[in-house]
Amino acid sequence: VIAVVVTAGLFVLAHQLVSPVTIDVALSLSVL
């Protein structure tokens, strides 16, 4: 659980830092 949640969070954060995304995109990337 820790590994899945942390890596999903870092995955979204990396996308946000590279190219800021909207809330709906951030949420969908979290689901992905």
Full PDB file with SEQRES, HELIX, SHEET, SSBOND, CRYST1, ORIGX, SCALE, CONECT and MASTER records, all heavy atoms in Angstrom:
SEQRES   1 A   32  VAL ILE ALA VAL VAL VAL THR ALA GLY LEU PHE VAL LEU          
SEQRES   2 A   32  ALA HIS GLN LEU VAL SER PRO VAL THR ILE ASP VAL ALA          
SEQRES   3 A   32  LEU SER LEU SER VAL LEU                                      
HELIX    1 AA1 ILE A    2  VAL A   18  1                                  17    
HELIX    2 AA2 ILE A   23  VAL A   31  1                                   9    
CRYST1    1.000    1.000    1.000  90.00  90.00  90.00 P 1           1          
ORIGX1      1.000000  0.000000  0.000000        0.00000                         
ORIGX2      0.000000  1.000000  0.000000        0.00000                         
ORIGX3      0.000000  0.000000  1.000000        0.00000                         
SCALE1      1.000000  0.000000  0.000000        0.00000                         
SCALE2      0.000000  1.000000  0.000000        0.00000                         
SCALE3      0.000000  0.000000  1.000000        0.00000                         
ATOM      1  N   VAL A   1       0.840  -1.204   0.000  1.00  0.00           N  
ATOM      2  CA  VAL A   1       0.000   0.000   0.000  1.00  0.00           C  
ATOM      3  C   VAL A   1       0.872   1.251   0.000  1.00  0.00           C  
ATOM      4  O   VAL A   1       0.635   2.197  -0.766  1.00  0.00           O  
ATOM      5  CB  VAL A   1      -0.945  -0.004   1.216  1.00  0.00           C  
ATOM      6  CG1 VAL A   1      -1.646   1.351   1.346  1.00  0.00           C  
ATOM      7  CG2 VAL A   1      -1.964  -1.123   1.090  1.00  0.00           C  
ATOM      8  N   ILE A   2       1.879   1.269   0.856  1.00  0.00           N  
ATOM      9  CA  ILE A   2       2.779   2.424   0.919  1.00  0.00           C  
ATOM     10  C   ILE A   2       3.472   2.641  -0.428  1.00  0.00           C  
ATOM     11  O   ILE A   2       3.546   3.771  -0.942  1.00  0.00           O  
ATOM     12  CB  ILE A   2       3.814   2.232   2.036  1.00  0.00           C  
ATOM     13  CG1 ILE A   2       3.128   2.302   3.406  1.00  0.00           C  
ATOM     14  CG2 ILE A   2       4.922   3.286   1.946  1.00  0.00           C  
ATOM     15  CD1 ILE A   2       4.022   1.908   4.562  1.00  0.00           C  
ATOM     16  N   ALA A   3       3.988   1.569  -1.023  1.00  0.00           N  
ATOM     17  CA  ALA A   3       4.712   1.687  -2.293  1.00  0.00           C  
ATOM     18  C   ALA A   3       3.800   2.180  -3.405  1.00  0.00           C  
ATOM     19  O   ALA A   3       4.187   3.049  -4.201  1.00  0.00           O  
ATOM     20  CB  ALA A   3       5.327   0.339  -2.666  1.00  0.00           C  
ATOM     21  N   VAL A   4       2.585   1.661  -3.484  1.00  0.00           N  
ATOM     22  CA  VAL A   4       1.655   2.066  -4.544  1.00  0.00           C  
ATOM     23  C   VAL A   4       1.255   3.526  -4.389  1.00  0.00           C  
ATOM     24  O   VAL A   4       1.270   4.304  -5.359  1.00  0.00           O  
ATOM     25  CB  VAL A   4       0.408   1.156  -4.536  1.00  0.00           C  
ATOM     26  CG1 VAL A   4      -0.676   1.737  -5.456  1.00  0.00           C  
ATOM     27  CG2 VAL A   4       0.771  -0.249  -4.985  1.00  0.00           C  
ATOM     28  N   VAL A   5       0.907   3.935  -3.175  1.00  0.00           N  
ATOM     29  CA  VAL A   5       0.439   5.309  -2.939  1.00  0.00           C  
ATOM     30  C   VAL A   5       1.567   6.323  -3.143  1.00  0.00           C  
ATOM     31  O   VAL A   5       1.380   7.361  -3.794  1.00  0.00           O  
ATOM     32  CB  VAL A   5      -0.153   5.444  -1.524  1.00  0.00           C  
ATOM     33  CG1 VAL A   5      -0.451   6.901  -1.197  1.00  0.00           C  
ATOM     34  CG2 VAL A   5      -1.421   4.601  -1.402  1.00  0.00           C  
ATOM     35  N   VAL A   6       2.746   6.037  -2.606  1.00  0.00           N  
ATOM     36  CA  VAL A   6       3.863   6.977  -2.728  1.00  0.00           C  
ATOM     37  C   VAL A   6       4.288   7.139  -4.185  1.00  0.00           C  
ATOM     38  O   VAL A   6       4.509   8.266  -4.657  1.00  0.00           O  
ATOM     39  CB  VAL A   6       5.055   6.521  -1.866  1.00  0.00           C  
ATOM     40  CG1 VAL A   6       6.297   7.352  -2.176  1.00  0.00           C  
ATOM     41  CG2 VAL A   6       4.714   6.638  -0.389  1.00  0.00           C  
ATOM     42  N   THR A   7       4.407   6.044  -4.919  1.00  0.00           N  
ATOM     43  CA  THR A   7       4.830   6.155  -6.313  1.00  0.00           C  
ATOM     44  C   THR A   7       3.771   6.841  -7.168  1.00  0.00           C  
ATOM     45  O   THR A   7       4.109   7.585  -8.098  1.00  0.00           O  
ATOM     46  CB  THR A   7       5.167   4.775  -6.900  1.00  0.00           C  
ATOM     47  OG1 THR A   7       4.069   3.865  -6.688  1.00  0.00           O  
ATOM     48  CG2 THR A   7       6.411   4.195  -6.261  1.00  0.00           C  
ATOM     49  N   ALA A   8       2.497   6.623  -6.864  1.00  0.00           N  
ATOM     50  CA  ALA A   8       1.439   7.333  -7.591  1.00  0.00           C  
ATOM     51  C   ALA A   8       1.524   8.829  -7.328  1.00  0.00           C  
ATOM     52  O   ALA A   8       1.371   9.649  -8.249  1.00  0.00           O  
ATOM     53  CB  ALA A   8       0.065   6.798  -7.193  1.00  0.00           C  
ATOM     54  N   GLY A   9       1.793   9.200  -6.070  1.00  0.00           N  
ATOM     55  CA  GLY A   9       1.928  10.613  -5.743  1.00  0.00           C  
ATOM     56  C   GLY A   9       3.108  11.264  -6.444  1.00  0.00           C  
ATOM     57  O   GLY A   9       2.998  12.383  -6.972  1.00  0.00           O  
ATOM     58  N   LEU A  10       4.245  10.584  -6.458  1.00  0.00           N  
ATOM     59  CA  LEU A  10       5.422  11.116  -7.142  1.00  0.00           C  
ATOM     60  C   LEU A  10       5.206  11.191  -8.648  1.00  0.00           C  
ATOM     61  O   LEU A  10       5.694  12.112  -9.315  1.00  0.00           O  
ATOM     62  CB  LEU A  10       6.639  10.252  -6.827  1.00  0.00           C  
ATOM     63  CG  LEU A  10       7.150  10.329  -5.384  1.00  0.00           C  
ATOM     64  CD1 LEU A  10       8.268   9.310  -5.159  1.00  0.00           C  
ATOM     65  CD2 LEU A  10       7.648  11.733  -5.069  1.00  0.00           C  
ATOM     66  N   PHE A  11       4.462  10.243  -9.181  1.00  0.00           N  
ATOM     67  CA  PHE A  11       4.127  10.227 -10.609  1.00  0.00           C  
ATOM     68  C   PHE A  11       3.338  11.484 -10.982  1.00  0.00           C  
ATOM     69  O   PHE A  11       3.646  12.158 -11.971  1.00  0.00           O  
ATOM     70  CB  PHE A  11       3.323   8.960 -10.897  1.00  0.00           C  
ATOM     71  CG  PHE A  11       2.790   8.832 -12.288  1.00  0.00           C  
ATOM     72  CD1 PHE A  11       3.640   8.667 -13.361  1.00  0.00           C  
ATOM     73  CD2 PHE A  11       1.419   8.848 -12.519  1.00  0.00           C  
ATOM     74  CE1 PHE A  11       3.142   8.526 -14.653  1.00  0.00           C  
ATOM     75  CE2 PHE A  11       0.911   8.709 -13.797  1.00  0.00           C  
ATOM     76  CZ  PHE A  11       1.773   8.548 -14.868  1.00  0.00           C  
ATOM     77  N   VAL A  12       2.350  11.825 -10.184  1.00  0.00           N  
ATOM     78  CA  VAL A  12       1.545  13.024 -10.436  1.00  0.00           C  
ATOM     79  C   VAL A  12       2.385  14.278 -10.230  1.00  0.00           C  
ATOM     80  O   VAL A  12       2.324  15.224 -11.030  1.00  0.00           O  
ATOM     81  CB  VAL A  12       0.307  13.051  -9.530  1.00  0.00           C  
ATOM     82  CG1 VAL A  12      -0.476  14.348  -9.723  1.00  0.00           C  
ATOM     83  CG2 VAL A  12      -0.583  11.849  -9.798  1.00  0.00           C  
ATOM     84  N   LEU A  13       3.181  14.310  -9.162  1.00  0.00           N  
ATOM     85  CA  LEU A  13       4.012  15.473  -8.875  1.00  0.00           C  
ATOM     86  C   LEU A  13       4.997  15.743 -10.012  1.00  0.00           C  
ATOM     87  O   LEU A  13       5.216  16.905 -10.395  1.00  0.00           O  
ATOM     88  CB  LEU A  13       4.766  15.251  -7.565  1.00  0.00           C  
ATOM     89  CG  LEU A  13       5.712  16.373  -7.134  1.00  0.00           C  
ATOM     90  CD1 LEU A  13       4.941  17.661  -6.897  1.00  0.00           C  
ATOM     91  CD2 LEU A  13       6.484  15.965  -5.880  1.00  0.00           C  
ATOM     92  N   ALA A  14       5.597  14.686 -10.547  1.00  0.00           N  
ATOM     93  CA  ALA A  14       6.536  14.858 -11.657  1.00  0.00           C  
ATOM     94  C   ALA A  14       5.848  15.476 -12.860  1.00  0.00           C  
ATOM     95  O   ALA A  14       6.400  16.384 -13.511  1.00  0.00           O  
ATOM     96  CB  ALA A  14       7.154  13.507 -12.025  1.00  0.00           C  
ATOM     97  N   HIS A  15       4.647  15.013 -13.189  1.00  0.00           N  
ATOM     98  CA  HIS A  15       3.915  15.601 -14.315  1.00  0.00           C  
ATOM     99  C   HIS A  15       3.581  17.068 -14.039  1.00  0.00           C  
ATOM    100  O   HIS A  15       3.655  17.911 -14.942  1.00  0.00           O  
ATOM    101  CB  HIS A  15       2.634  14.814 -14.576  1.00  0.00           C  
ATOM    102  CG  HIS A  15       2.840  13.559 -15.355  1.00  0.00           C  
ATOM    103  ND1 HIS A  15       3.312  12.402 -14.786  1.00  0.00           N  
ATOM    104  CD2 HIS A  15       2.651  13.273 -16.679  1.00  0.00           C  
ATOM    105  CE1 HIS A  15       3.396  11.458 -15.713  1.00  0.00           C  
ATOM    106  NE2 HIS A  15       3.006  11.957 -16.867  1.00  0.00           N  
ATOM    107  N   GLN A  16       3.217  17.357 -12.805  1.00  0.00           N  
ATOM    108  CA  GLN A  16       2.859  18.732 -12.445  1.00  0.00           C  
ATOM    109  C   GLN A  16       4.067  19.661 -12.561  1.00  0.00           C  
ATOM    110  O   GLN A  16       3.939  20.808 -13.010  1.00  0.00           O  
ATOM    111  CB  GLN A  16       2.302  18.765 -11.024  1.00  0.00           C  
ATOM    112  CG  GLN A  16       1.866  20.140 -10.545  1.00  0.00           C  
ATOM    113  CD  GLN A  16       0.637  20.654 -11.270  1.00  0.00           C  
ATOM    114  OE1 GLN A  16      -0.181  19.873 -11.739  1.00  0.00           O  
ATOM    115  NE2 GLN A  16       0.518  21.969 -11.384  1.00  0.00           N  
ATOM    116  N   LEU A  17       5.238  19.185 -12.185  1.00  0.00           N  
ATOM    117  CA  LEU A  17       6.436  20.011 -12.253  1.00  0.00           C  
ATOM    118  C   LEU A  17       6.924  20.190 -13.682  1.00  0.00           C  
ATOM    119  O   LEU A  17       7.458  21.249 -14.031  1.00  0.00           O  
ATOM    120  CB  LEU A  17       7.543  19.397 -11.387  1.00  0.00           C  
ATOM    121  CG  LEU A  17       7.281  19.392  -9.876  1.00  0.00           C  
ATOM    122  CD1 LEU A  17       8.402  18.654  -9.146  1.00  0.00           C  
ATOM    123  CD2 LEU A  17       7.150  20.813  -9.347  1.00  0.00           C  
ATOM    124  N   VAL A  18       6.769  19.169 -14.499  1.00  0.00           N  
ATOM    125  CA  VAL A  18       7.203  19.272 -15.898  1.00  0.00           C  
ATOM    126  C   VAL A  18       6.289  20.196 -16.683  1.00  0.00           C  
ATOM    127  O   VAL A  18       6.731  21.071 -17.430  1.00  0.00           O  
ATOM    128  CB  VAL A  18       7.248  17.871 -16.554  1.00  0.00           C  
ATOM    129  CG1 VAL A  18       7.454  17.983 -18.063  1.00  0.00           C  
ATOM    130  CG2 VAL A  18       8.355  17.036 -15.945  1.00  0.00           C  
ATOM    131  N   SER A  19       4.992  19.995 -16.540  1.00  0.00           N  
ATOM    132  CA  SER A  19       4.006  20.809 -17.251  1.00  0.00           C  
ATOM    133  C   SER A  19       2.740  20.858 -16.414  1.00  0.00           C  
ATOM    134  O   SER A  19       2.022  19.855 -16.335  1.00  0.00           O  
ATOM    135  CB  SER A  19       3.706  20.226 -18.635  1.00  0.00           C  
ATOM    136  OG  SER A  19       2.737  20.988 -19.319  1.00  0.00           O  
ATOM    137  N   PRO A  20       2.479  22.002 -15.751  1.00  0.00           N  
ATOM    138  CA  PRO A  20       1.328  22.092 -14.849  1.00  0.00           C  
ATOM    139  C   PRO A  20       0.043  21.593 -15.493  1.00  0.00           C  
ATOM    140  O   PRO A  20      -0.258  21.914 -16.648  1.00  0.00           O  
ATOM    141  CB  PRO A  20       1.247  23.592 -14.543  1.00  0.00           C  
ATOM    142  CG  PRO A  20       2.662  24.068 -14.683  1.00  0.00           C  
ATOM    143  CD  PRO A  20       3.229  23.261 -15.819  1.00  0.00           C  
ATOM    144  N   VAL A  21      -0.702  20.786 -14.761  1.00  0.00           N  
ATOM    145  CA  VAL A  21      -1.920  20.179 -15.289  1.00  0.00           C  
ATOM    146  C   VAL A  21      -3.123  20.654 -14.479  1.00  0.00           C  
ATOM    147  O   VAL A  21      -2.986  21.142 -13.354  1.00  0.00           O  
ATOM    148  CB  VAL A  21      -1.837  18.639 -15.244  1.00  0.00           C  
ATOM    149  CG1 VAL A  21      -0.719  18.141 -16.141  1.00  0.00           C  
ATOM    150  CG2 VAL A  21      -1.609  18.147 -13.811  1.00  0.00           C  
ATOM    151  N   THR A  22      -4.296  20.509 -15.069  1.00  0.00           N  
ATOM    152  CA  THR A  22      -5.528  20.890 -14.384  1.00  0.00           C  
ATOM    153  C   THR A  22      -5.878  19.844 -13.328  1.00  0.00           C  
ATOM    154  O   THR A  22      -5.308  18.746 -13.293  1.00  0.00           O  
ATOM    155  CB  THR A  22      -6.672  21.011 -15.389  1.00  0.00           C  
ATOM    156  OG1 THR A  22      -6.830  19.755 -16.069  1.00  0.00           O  
ATOM    157  CG2 THR A  22      -6.382  22.103 -16.420  1.00  0.00           C  
ATOM    158  N   ILE A  23      -6.833  20.179 -12.472  1.00  0.00           N  
ATOM    159  CA  ILE A  23      -7.212  19.279 -11.381  1.00  0.00           C  
ATOM    160  C   ILE A  23      -7.730  17.949 -11.911  1.00  0.00           C  
ATOM    161  O   ILE A  23      -7.388  16.879 -11.392  1.00  0.00           O  
ATOM    162  CB  ILE A  23      -8.268  19.944 -10.480  1.00  0.00           C  
ATOM    163  CG1 ILE A  23      -7.664  21.143  -9.755  1.00  0.00           C  
ATOM    164  CG2 ILE A  23      -8.833  18.942  -9.467  1.00  0.00           C  
ATOM    165  CD1 ILE A  23      -8.634  21.900  -8.876  1.00  0.00           C  
ATOM    166  N   ASP A  24      -8.552  17.992 -12.975  1.00  0.00           N  
ATOM    167  CA  ASP A  24      -9.108  16.745 -13.493  1.00  0.00           C  
ATOM    168  C   ASP A  24      -8.015  15.844 -14.057  1.00  0.00           C  
ATOM    169  O   ASP A  24      -8.058  14.620 -13.902  1.00  0.00           O  
ATOM    170  CB  ASP A  24     -10.180  17.024 -14.550  1.00  0.00           C  
ATOM    171  CG  ASP A  24      -9.631  17.747 -15.765  1.00  0.00           C  
ATOM    172  OD1 ASP A  24      -9.368  18.956 -15.656  1.00  0.00           O  
ATOM    173  OD2 ASP A  24      -9.458  17.100 -16.824  1.00  0.00           O  
ATOM    174  N   VAL A  25      -7.007  16.451 -14.699  1.00  0.00           N  
ATOM    175  CA  VAL A  25      -5.896  15.654 -15.231  1.00  0.00           C  
ATOM    176  C   VAL A  25      -5.067  15.081 -14.090  1.00  0.00           C  
ATOM    177  O   VAL A  25      -4.660  13.910 -14.127  1.00  0.00           O  
ATOM    178  CB  VAL A  25      -5.016  16.505 -16.169  1.00  0.00           C  
ATOM    179  CG1 VAL A  25      -3.770  15.717 -16.600  1.00  0.00           C  
ATOM    180  CG2 VAL A  25      -5.804  16.936 -17.395  1.00  0.00           C  
ATOM    181  N   ALA A  26      -4.820  15.892 -13.049  1.00  0.00           N  
ATOM    182  CA  ALA A  26      -4.066  15.406 -11.900  1.00  0.00           C  
ATOM    183  C   ALA A  26      -4.780  14.231 -11.223  1.00  0.00           C  
ATOM    184  O   ALA A  26      -4.155  13.244 -10.833  1.00  0.00           O  
ATOM    185  CB  ALA A  26      -3.848  16.537 -10.901  1.00  0.00           C  
ATOM    186  N   LEU A  27      -6.090  14.339 -11.113  1.00  0.00           N  
ATOM    187  CA  LEU A  27      -6.856  13.247 -10.499  1.00  0.00           C  
ATOM    188  C   LEU A  27      -6.820  11.991 -11.365  1.00  0.00           C  
ATOM    189  O   LEU A  27      -6.689  10.876 -10.847  1.00  0.00           O  
ATOM    190  CB  LEU A  27      -8.300  13.689 -10.267  1.00  0.00           C  
ATOM    191  CG  LEU A  27      -8.515  14.734  -9.168  1.00  0.00           C  
ATOM    192  CD1 LEU A  27      -9.973  15.184  -9.137  1.00  0.00           C  
ATOM    193  CD2 LEU A  27      -8.103  14.182  -7.807  1.00  0.00           C  
ATOM    194  N   SER A  28      -6.937  12.165 -12.676  1.00  0.00           N  
ATOM    195  CA  SER A  28      -6.908  10.998 -13.558  1.00  0.00           C  
ATOM    196  C   SER A  28      -5.521  10.361 -13.556  1.00  0.00           C  
ATOM    197  O   SER A  28      -5.400   9.124 -13.614  1.00  0.00           O  
ATOM    198  CB  SER A  28      -7.317  11.383 -14.981  1.00  0.00           C  
ATOM    199  OG  SER A  28      -6.390  12.281 -15.560  1.00  0.00           O  
ATOM    200  N   LEU A  29      -4.463  11.165 -13.461  1.00  0.00           N  
ATOM    201  CA  LEU A  29      -3.114  10.611 -13.353  1.00  0.00           C  
ATOM    202  C   LEU A  29      -2.939   9.871 -12.031  1.00  0.00           C  
ATOM    203  O   LEU A  29      -2.239   8.849 -11.967  1.00  0.00           O  
ATOM    204  CB  LEU A  29      -2.073  11.721 -13.470  1.00  0.00           C  
ATOM    205  CG  LEU A  29      -1.883  12.339 -14.856  1.00  0.00           C  
ATOM    206  CD1 LEU A  29      -0.915  13.515 -14.790  1.00  0.00           C  
ATOM    207  CD2 LEU A  29      -1.388  11.302 -15.860  1.00  0.00           C  
ATOM    208  N   SER A  30      -3.591  10.371 -10.980  1.00  0.00           N  
ATOM    209  CA  SER A  30      -3.557   9.662  -9.692  1.00  0.00           C  
ATOM    210  C   SER A  30      -4.209   8.295  -9.810  1.00  0.00           C  
ATOM    211  O   SER A  30      -3.678   7.288  -9.314  1.00  0.00           O  
ATOM    212  CB  SER A  30      -4.269  10.487  -8.615  1.00  0.00           C  
ATOM    213  OG  SER A  30      -3.672  11.740  -8.431  1.00  0.00           O  
ATOM    214  N   VAL A  31      -5.366   8.253 -10.481  1.00  0.00           N  
ATOM    215  CA  VAL A  31      -6.055   6.978 -10.690  1.00  0.00           C  
ATOM    216  C   VAL A  31      -5.184   6.039 -11.511  1.00  0.00           C  
ATOM    217  O   VAL A  31      -5.045   4.849 -11.197  1.00  0.00           O  
ATOM    218  CB  VAL A  31      -7.411   7.200 -11.383  1.00  0.00           C  
ATOM    219  CG1 VAL A  31      -8.058   5.863 -11.743  1.00  0.00           C  
ATOM    220  CG2 VAL A  31      -8.345   8.008 -10.489  1.00  0.00           C  
ATOM    221  N   LEU A  32      -4.568   6.585 -12.569  1.00  0.00           N  
ATOM    222  CA  LEU A  32      -3.693   5.767 -13.412  1.00  0.00           C  
ATOM    223  C   LEU A  32      -2.535   5.204 -12.600  1.00  0.00           C  
ATOM    224  O   LEU A  32      -2.206   4.015 -12.705  1.00  0.00           O  
ATOM    225  CB  LEU A  32      -3.169   6.607 -14.579  1.00  0.00           C  
ATOM    226  CG  LEU A  32      -2.197   5.906 -15.531  1.00  0.00           C  
ATOM    227  CD1 LEU A  32      -2.892   4.753 -16.250  1.00  0.00           C  
ATOM    228  CD2 LEU A  32      -1.619   6.900 -16.543  1.00  0.00           C  
TER     229      LEU A  32                                                      
MASTER        0    0    0    2    0    0    0    6  228    1    0    3          
END                                                                             
